[in-house]
C-alpha atoms as a PDB file:
ATOM      1  CA  MET A   1      38.993-102.428  13.013  1.00  0.00           C
ATOM      2  CA  LYS A   2      38.605-101.954   9.196  1.00  0.00           C
ATOM      3  CA  ILE A   3      35.092-100.219   7.850  1.00  0.00           C
ATOM      4  CA  THR A   4      34.392-100.848   4.232  1.00  0.00           C
ATOM      5  CA  LEU A   5      32.125 -98.641   2.645  1.00  0.00           C
ATOM      6  CA  LYS A   6      30.160 -98.881  -0.516  1.00  0.00           C
ATOM      7  CA  SER A   7      30.507 -95.012  -0.992  1.00  0.00           C
ATOM      8  CA  THR A   8      33.046 -91.683  -0.112  1.00  0.00           C
ATOM      9  CA  PRO A   9      31.398 -90.289   2.857  1.00  0.00           C
ATOM     10  CA  SER A  10      30.962 -86.249   2.248  1.00  0.00           C
ATOM     11  CA  LYS A  11      33.184 -84.060   3.739  1.00  0.00           C
ATOM     12  CA  GLU A  12      30.855 -83.465   6.826  1.00  0.00           C
ATOM     13  CA  GLY A  13      30.194 -87.401   7.225  1.00  0.00           C
ATOM     14  CA  GLN A  14      34.130 -88.354   7.007  1.00  0.00           C
ATOM     15  CA  VAL A  15      34.707 -85.650  10.000  1.00  0.00           C
ATOM     16  CA  MET A  16      31.788 -87.678  12.646  1.00  0.00           C
ATOM     17  CA  LEU A  17      32.788 -91.002  10.998  1.00  0.00           C
ATOM     18  CA  ASP A  18      36.383 -90.110  12.482  1.00  0.00           C
ATOM     19  CA  SER A  19      35.336 -88.866  15.530  1.00  0.00           C
ATOM     20  CA  LEU A  20      33.281 -92.172  16.179  1.00  0.00           C
ATOM     21  CA  GLN A  21      36.357 -94.197  15.355  1.00  0.00           C
ATOM     22  CA  GLN A  22      38.593 -92.466  17.668  1.00  0.00           C
ATOM     23  CA  ALA A  23      35.813 -92.477  20.709  1.00  0.00           C
ATOM     24  CA  VAL A  24      35.428 -96.053  20.269  1.00  0.00           C
ATOM     25  CA  THR A  25      39.150 -96.855  19.946  1.00  0.00           C
ATOM     26  CA  LYS A  26      39.720 -94.896  23.223  1.00  0.00           C
ATOM     27  CA  ALA A  27      36.714 -96.588  24.997  1.00  0.00           C
ATOM     28  CA  LEU A  28      38.634 -99.891  23.899  1.00  0.00           C
ATOM     29  CA  GLU A  29      41.904 -98.844  24.994  1.00  0.00           C
ATOM     30  CA  LYS A  30      40.487 -97.609  28.647  1.00  0.00           C
ATOM     31  CA  LYS A  31      38.797-100.747  28.975  1.00  0.00           C
ATOM     32  CA  HIS A  32      42.044-102.920  28.341  1.00  0.00           C
ATOM     33  CA  ARG A  33      44.201-100.756  30.509  1.00  0.00           C
ATOM     34  CA  LEU A  34      41.176-101.725  33.294  1.00  0.00           C
ATOM     35  CA  GLY A  35      41.485-105.039  32.508  1.00  0.00           C
ATOM     36  CA  GLN A  36      37.554-105.175  31.610  1.00  0.00           C
ATOM     37  CA  TYR A  37      36.433-107.497  28.953  1.00  0.00           C
ATOM     38  CA  ALA A  38      34.737-105.566  25.675  1.00  0.00           C
ATOM     39  CA  VAL A  39      32.298-107.072  23.473  1.00  0.00           C
ATOM     40  CA  VAL A  40      32.504-106.167  19.562  1.00  0.00           C
ATOM     41  CA  TRP A  41      31.166-107.709  16.305  1.00  0.00           C
ATOM     42  CA  GLN A  42      33.166-110.080  15.008  1.00  0.00           C
ATOM     43  CA  HIS A  43      32.390-111.991  11.566  1.00  0.00           C
ATOM     44  CA  GLY A  44      28.542-111.151  12.123  1.00  0.00           C
ATOM     45  CA  LYS A  45      27.981-112.325  15.829  1.00  0.00           C
ATOM     46  CA  PRO A  46      28.859-110.252  19.058  1.00  0.00           C
ATOM     47  CA  VAL A  47      31.837-111.551  20.465  1.00  0.00           C
ATOM     48  CA  MET A  48      33.578-110.893  24.247  1.00  0.00           C
ATOM     49  CA  ILE A  49      37.317-110.124  24.014  1.00  0.00           C
ATOM     50  CA  GLY A  50      39.702-109.352  26.948  1.00  0.00           C
ATOM     51  CA  GLU A  51      41.229-111.641  29.919  1.00  0.00           C
ATOM     52  CA  ASP A  52      38.298-111.193  32.176  1.00  0.00           C
ATOM     53  CA  ALA A  53      35.843-112.100  29.027  1.00  0.00           C
ATOM     54  CA  PRO A  54      33.405-114.504  30.408  1.00  0.00           C
ATOM     55  CA  LYS A  55      34.441-118.466  29.252  1.00  0.00           C
ATOM     56  CA  SER A  56      32.014-119.649  26.117  1.00  0.00           C
ATOM     57  CA  SER A  57      30.864-122.418  28.831  1.00  0.00           C
ATOM     58  CA  GLU A  58      29.084-119.432  30.453  1.00  0.00           C
ATOM     59  CA  GLU A  59      27.656-117.857  27.682  1.00  0.00           C
ATOM     60  CA  GLY A  60      24.123-119.382  27.810  1.00  0.00           C
ATOM     61  CA  SER A  61      23.994-118.926  31.642  1.00  0.00           C
END
């Protein structure tokens, strides 16, 4: 995942950002290993990713 920043975070802010990125990466890897889908933000909207993600025909249900 790429994060675009408008300004450089402080040293403490960077530590927090790195921590959050590691936590999210770990959670997504765990979901992948367990065969669970995940909901992520892509191109300005939520998207379900993963082999067991509901198909688009099920989305409005």
